[in-house]
């Protein structure tokens, strides 16, 4: 194909281009951008490079009239969609989970709670979590507490021991005491209740890139926060430092007040936004406290 033919083809496309076609291309470009951003710096990124090389090899073989090579690459690319679904299954799963956690997805398929119901359910639990973390920190007792939100953690709960216990300093102290059977693992809290203890959490996706000084609890916290929207609280048994992992990011040096403010804002604000359809939207917990 000569440059003149390419020019004629380009002008032909431009002359028939409609506004809806521009929107179509823009949406496709945005989806591709999101996918590339998602798989960047993961093992899937290496697979993308391999696919790009296959596509480049196909065009080169077509240009050089390498019929056998061209035929083989064409067959591979024709079945590439199924292969991509299989190869990128973890990444596709994370995309769908993130889509389901958006406000639109939850309001469309889920029924939430009123702000008053959320406060009644979570206020004693938040107080118990904060008090327990301070005491565990002072005694250098390691702890790992997972606060479940919209993404259900059934897979992790199945690995632990079901408790259905009311949160309190005494319960947390007994669970995480080093010589007890349940101390090695995570506590998962659902709807303000300690649902299970001694639960195993997933490893982080970029384990090799995490600071080597962080122990197994901190790594498990990061891994859990990458795979869900949970709030994961860690108490270091070496330094007593309180840390929180959310969305794959670990923040440290929490005091009781700072931890309580975080839990209040994350739990109450979310529950308020997910109110039952037909009811008025509720103000956040902090705003209601100010009014009181």
Protein backbone atom coordinates (compact mmCIF):
# COMPACT_ATOMS: atom_id res chain seq x y z
CA UNK A 1 0.00 0.00 0.00
CA UNK A 2 1.44 3.37 -1.07
CA UNK A 3 1.32 6.63 0.85
CA UNK A 4 -1.26 7.89 -1.63
CA UNK A 5 -3.54 4.93 -0.86
CA UNK A 6 -3.13 5.51 2.88
CA UNK A 7 -4.00 9.18 2.42
CA UNK A 8 -7.15 8.32 0.40
CA UNK A 9 -8.24 5.77 3.01
CA UNK A 10 -7.73 8.27 5.84
CA UNK A 11 -9.74 10.97 4.02
CA UNK A 12 -12.50 8.48 3.31
CA UNK A 13 -12.76 7.62 7.00
CA UNK A 14 -12.82 11.30 8.00
CA UNK A 15 -15.55 12.13 5.48
CA UNK A 16 -17.86 9.42 6.85
CA UNK A 17 -17.07 10.08 10.50
CA UNK A 18 -20.06 10.91 12.72
CA UNK A 19 -20.27 12.39 16.21
CA UNK A 20 -21.44 9.08 17.65
CA UNK A 21 -18.31 7.45 16.19
CA UNK A 22 -16.13 9.89 18.12
CA UNK A 23 -17.97 9.01 21.34
CA UNK A 24 -17.56 5.32 20.52
CA UNK A 25 -13.80 5.65 20.03
CA UNK A 26 -13.44 7.83 23.15
CA UNK A 27 -15.19 5.23 25.32
CA UNK A 28 -13.04 2.44 23.90
CA UNK A 29 -9.87 4.48 24.47
CA UNK A 30 -10.87 5.17 28.07
CA UNK A 31 -11.57 1.47 28.74
CA UNK A 32 -8.18 0.53 27.30
CA UNK A 33 -6.52 3.22 29.45
CA UNK A 34 -8.19 1.89 32.60
CA UNK A 35 -7.14 -1.69 31.79
CA UNK A 36 -3.55 -0.64 31.13
CA UNK A 37 -3.49 1.34 34.37
CA UNK A 38 -4.85 -1.65 36.26
CA UNK A 39 -2.30 -4.17 35.01
CA UNK A 40 0.70 -1.85 35.17
CA UNK A 41 3.55 -3.24 37.28
CA UNK A 42 1.88 -6.64 37.60
CA UNK A 43 2.55 -10.01 35.99
CA UNK A 44 -0.25 -9.23 33.55
CA UNK A 45 1.86 -6.36 32.22
CA UNK A 46 4.38 -8.86 30.89
CA UNK A 47 1.59 -10.78 29.15
CA UNK A 48 0.44 -7.58 27.44
CA UNK A 49 3.94 -7.06 26.09
CA UNK A 50 3.87 -10.59 24.69
CA UNK A 51 0.53 -9.95 22.96
CA UNK A 52 1.85 -6.71 21.45
CA UNK A 53 4.84 -8.62 20.08
CA UNK A 54 2.51 -11.22 18.52
CA UNK A 55 0.45 -8.49 16.82
CA UNK A 56 3.59 -6.79 15.55
CA UNK A 57 4.91 -10.11 14.30
CA UNK A 58 1.67 -10.75 12.41
CA UNK A 59 1.81 -7.42 10.55
CA UNK A 60 5.49 -7.87 9.75
CA UNK A 61 4.90 -11.37 8.40
CA UNK A 62 2.02 -10.07 6.27
CA UNK A 63 4.22 -7.30 4.91
CA UNK A 64 7.05 -9.75 4.09
CA UNK A 65 4.61 -12.38 2.70
CA UNK A 66 5.67 -15.00 5.24
CA UNK A 67 2.55 -17.08 4.70
CA UNK A 68 3.22 -19.86 7.21
CA UNK A 69 4.19 -17.54 10.04
CA UNK A 70 1.30 -15.23 9.19
CA UNK A 71 -1.18 -18.12 9.24
CA UNK A 72 0.01 -19.39 12.63
CA UNK A 73 -0.06 -15.94 14.22
CA UNK A 74 -3.52 -15.29 12.77
CA UNK A 75 -4.85 -18.47 14.37
CA UNK A 76 -3.35 -17.48 17.72
CA UNK A 77 -4.82 -13.96 17.56
CA UNK A 78 -8.24 -15.20 16.41
CA UNK A 79 -8.53 -17.21 19.64
CA UNK A 80 -6.86 -14.52 21.71
CA UNK A 81 -10.07 -13.29 23.38
CA UNK A 82 -10.64 -16.58 25.19
CA UNK A 83 -6.96 -16.77 26.09
CA UNK A 84 -7.03 -13.23 27.48
CA UNK A 85 -10.05 -14.00 29.65
CA UNK A 86 -8.19 -16.97 31.10
CA UNK A 87 -4.86 -15.18 31.52
CA UNK A 88 -6.30 -11.96 32.93
CA UNK A 89 -8.93 -13.59 35.15
CA UNK A 90 -7.61 -12.05 38.41
CA UNK A 91 -7.45 -8.56 36.86
CA UNK A 92 -10.93 -8.86 35.32
CA UNK A 93 -12.28 -9.99 38.66
CA UNK A 94 -10.82 -6.93 40.40
CA UNK A 95 -12.36 -4.64 37.75
CA UNK A 96 -15.82 -6.14 38.26
CA UNK A 97 -15.47 -5.98 42.04
CA UNK A 98 -14.50 -2.31 41.88
CA UNK A 99 -17.47 -1.62 39.61
CA UNK A 100 -19.77 -3.32 42.09
CA UNK A 101 -18.39 -1.21 44.94
CA UNK A 102 -19.28 2.08 43.29
CA UNK A 103 -22.26 4.05 44.59
CA UNK A 104 -24.18 3.32 41.40
CA UNK A 105 -23.58 -0.42 41.62
CA UNK A 106 -24.51 -0.69 45.30
CA UNK A 107 -27.63 1.47 44.98
CA UNK A 108 -28.73 -0.53 41.98
CA UNK A 109 -28.35 -3.98 43.56
CA UNK A 110 -28.02 -3.46 47.31
CA UNK A 111 -30.21 -2.16 50.10
CA UNK A 112 -28.38 -0.23 52.75
CA UNK A 113 -29.14 0.92 56.26
CA UNK A 114 -30.28 4.20 57.69
CA UNK A 115 -27.76 6.36 59.51
CA UNK A 116 -29.42 5.68 62.88
CA UNK A 117 -29.30 1.91 62.32
CA UNK A 118 -25.64 2.12 61.32
CA UNK A 119 -24.76 4.15 64.40
CA UNK A 120 -26.58 1.79 66.74
CA UNK A 121 -24.82 -1.18 65.17
CA UNK A 122 -21.30 0.20 64.88
CA UNK A 123 -20.77 2.73 67.68
CA UNK A 124 -20.07 0.15 70.45
CA UNK A 125 -17.87 -1.85 68.07
CA UNK A 126 -15.79 1.19 67.06
CA UNK A 127 -15.26 2.15 70.71
CA UNK A 128 -14.19 -1.41 71.54
CA UNK A 129 -11.81 -1.56 68.56
CA UNK A 130 -10.13 1.72 69.48
CA UNK A 131 -9.81 0.88 73.19
CA UNK A 132 -8.48 -2.59 72.39
CA UNK A 133 -5.90 -1.33 69.90
CA UNK A 134 -4.55 1.15 72.47
CA UNK A 135 -4.23 -1.54 75.15
CA UNK A 136 -2.70 -4.08 72.75
CA UNK A 137 -0.26 -1.42 71.57
CA UNK A 138 0.80 -0.62 75.14
CA UNK A 139 1.45 -4.31 75.90
CA UNK A 140 3.20 -4.94 72.52
CA UNK A 141 0.62 -7.56 71.59
CA UNK A 142 0.24 -8.11 67.85
CA UNK A 143 -3.25 -7.84 66.38
CA UNK A 144 -4.96 -7.95 62.99
CA UNK A 145 -8.55 -6.68 62.75
CA UNK A 146 -10.57 -6.60 59.53
CA UNK A 147 -13.66 -4.39 59.34
CA UNK A 148 -15.83 -5.76 56.54
CA UNK A 149 -17.75 -3.28 54.42
CA UNK A 150 -19.57 -3.87 51.11
CA UNK A 151 -17.38 -6.70 49.79
CA UNK A 152 -18.24 -9.88 51.68
CA UNK A 153 -15.26 -11.84 52.99
CA UNK A 154 -16.79 -15.31 53.00
CA UNK A 155 -13.64 -16.97 51.63
CA UNK A 156 -11.53 -15.61 54.48
CA UNK A 157 -14.19 -16.31 57.12
CA UNK A 158 -14.25 -19.98 56.13
CA UNK A 159 -10.56 -20.31 57.01
CA UNK A 160 -11.14 -19.17 60.61
CA UNK A 161 -13.29 -19.99 63.62
CA UNK A 162 -16.82 -18.59 63.85
CA UNK A 163 -17.42 -16.63 67.06
CA UNK A 164 -20.40 -14.25 66.64
CA UNK A 165 -19.13 -12.31 69.66
CA UNK A 166 -19.81 -8.77 70.82
CA UNK A 167 -16.61 -6.69 70.49
CA UNK A 168 -14.95 -5.67 73.78
CA UNK A 169 -11.48 -5.10 75.17
CA UNK A 170 -11.68 -8.40 77.03
CA UNK A 171 -12.65 -10.40 73.94
CA UNK A 172 -9.92 -8.86 71.78
CA UNK A 173 -7.40 -9.35 74.60
CA UNK A 174 -8.24 -13.05 74.86
CA UNK A 175 -8.16 -13.60 71.11
CA UNK A 176 -4.79 -11.96 70.51
CA UNK A 177 -3.04 -13.17 73.68
CA UNK A 178 0.03 -15.00 72.28
CA UNK A 179 -0.67 -18.35 73.94
CA UNK A 180 -4.29 -18.71 72.80
CA UNK A 181 -5.26 -20.89 69.80
CA UNK A 182 -6.91 -17.97 67.96
CA UNK A 183 -4.13 -15.37 68.20
CA UNK A 184 -2.45 -16.33 64.92
CA UNK A 185 -4.66 -14.83 62.24
CA UNK A 186 -7.16 -12.05 61.67
CA UNK A 187 -10.41 -11.12 63.35
CA UNK A 188 -13.19 -10.24 60.91
CA UNK A 189 -15.95 -7.89 62.04
CA UNK A 190 -19.24 -7.75 60.15
CA UNK A 191 -22.10 -5.41 61.05
CA UNK A 192 -20.47 -4.51 64.37
CA UNK A 193 -20.03 -8.15 65.48
CA UNK A 194 -16.86 -10.27 65.68
CA UNK A 195 -17.88 -12.89 63.17
CA UNK A 196 -14.70 -14.98 63.04
CA UNK A 197 -11.13 -15.18 64.35
CA UNK A 198 -7.89 -16.86 63.27
CA UNK A 199 -8.70 -16.12 59.62
CA UNK A 200 -6.03 -16.27 56.93
CA UNK A 201 -5.76 -13.28 54.59
CA UNK A 202 -4.47 -13.16 50.99
CA UNK A 203 -0.94 -12.09 50.17
CA UNK A 204 -0.40 -8.69 48.53
CA UNK A 205 -0.21 -8.63 44.75
CA UNK A 206 3.15 -6.81 44.73
CA UNK A 207 4.72 -8.59 47.68
CA UNK A 208 8.25 -8.14 46.38
CA UNK A 209 7.82 -4.35 46.26
CA UNK A 210 6.73 -3.99 49.90
CA UNK A 211 9.22 -2.78 52.49
CA UNK A 212 11.15 -5.78 53.82
CA UNK A 213 10.83 -4.43 57.37
CA UNK A 214 7.08 -5.04 57.37
CA UNK A 215 6.06 -8.32 58.98
CA UNK A 216 3.48 -10.91 57.99
CA UNK A 217 0.58 -9.05 59.65
CA UNK A 218 1.24 -5.84 57.74
CA UNK A 219 1.63 -7.74 54.46
CA UNK A 220 -1.60 -9.63 55.07
CA UNK A 221 -3.35 -6.33 55.83
CA UNK A 222 -2.18 -4.83 52.55
CA UNK A 223 -3.21 -7.95 50.65
CA UNK A 224 -6.70 -7.95 52.17
CA UNK A 225 -7.19 -4.26 51.41
CA UNK A 226 -6.13 -4.85 47.79
CA UNK A 227 -8.72 -7.58 47.33
CA UNK A 228 -11.63 -5.82 49.04
CA UNK A 229 -12.87 -2.50 50.42
CA UNK A 230 -12.24 -3.64 54.00
CA UNK A 231 -10.53 -1.50 56.64
CA UNK A 232 -7.67 -3.55 58.09
CA UNK A 233 -6.11 -2.50 61.41
CA UNK A 234 -2.70 -3.79 62.48
CA UNK A 235 -0.98 -3.55 65.86
CA UNK A 236 2.74 -4.31 65.70
CA UNK A 237 4.03 -6.69 68.34
CA UNK A 238 7.54 -5.22 67.99
CA UNK A 239 6.85 -1.49 68.26
CA UNK A 240 3.20 -1.31 69.33
CA UNK A 241 2.54 0.94 66.35
CA UNK A 242 -1.06 1.04 65.08
CA UNK A 243 -1.44 0.99 61.28
CA UNK A 244 -4.40 0.89 58.89
CA UNK A 245 -4.53 -0.59 55.37
CA UNK A 246 -7.14 0.61 52.86
CA UNK A 247 -7.22 0.16 49.09
CA UNK A 248 -3.75 -1.37 49.10
CA UNK A 249 -2.18 1.55 51.00
CA UNK A 250 -0.78 1.23 54.53
CA UNK A 251 -0.79 4.31 56.79
CA UNK A 252 0.87 4.30 60.21
CA UNK A 253 1.21 6.04 63.57
CA UNK A 254 -2.47 6.04 64.58
CA UNK A 255 -3.58 7.31 67.95
CA UNK A 256 -6.92 6.39 69.49
CA UNK A 257 -8.49 9.65 68.37
CA UNK A 258 -7.10 9.38 64.85
CA UNK A 259 -8.25 5.77 64.51
CA UNK A 260 -11.74 6.58 65.79
CA UNK A 261 -12.09 9.51 63.38
CA UNK A 262 -11.09 7.26 60.49
CA UNK A 263 -13.56 4.51 61.40
CA UNK A 264 -16.35 7.03 61.99
CA UNK A 265 -15.85 8.72 58.63
CA UNK A 266 -15.42 5.52 56.63
CA UNK A 267 -18.18 3.42 58.20
CA UNK A 268 -20.89 5.98 58.98
CA UNK A 269 -20.51 8.00 55.80
CA UNK A 270 -20.73 4.87 53.67
CA UNK A 271 -23.75 3.52 55.52
CA UNK A 272 -25.47 6.88 55.20
CA UNK A 273 -24.90 6.99 51.44
CA UNK A 274 -26.37 3.51 51.06
CA UNK A 275 -29.70 4.31 52.68
CA UNK A 276 -32.81 2.37 51.78
CA UNK A 277 -34.26 3.54 48.44
CA UNK A 278 -37.14 5.95 48.92
CA UNK A 279 -35.76 7.48 52.12
CA UNK A 280 -33.95 10.80 52.40
CA UNK A 281 -30.17 10.77 52.30
CA UNK A 282 -28.74 11.05 55.77
CA UNK A 283 -25.97 13.36 56.86
CA UNK A 284 -22.67 11.86 57.94
CA UNK A 285 -22.08 10.74 61.50
CA UNK A 286 -19.75 13.63 62.22
CA UNK A 287 -22.28 16.16 60.96
CA UNK A 288 -25.04 14.68 63.08
CA UNK A 289 -22.81 14.76 66.12
CA UNK A 290 -22.22 18.48 65.61
CA UNK A 291 -25.97 19.12 65.36
CA UNK A 292 -26.55 17.23 68.58
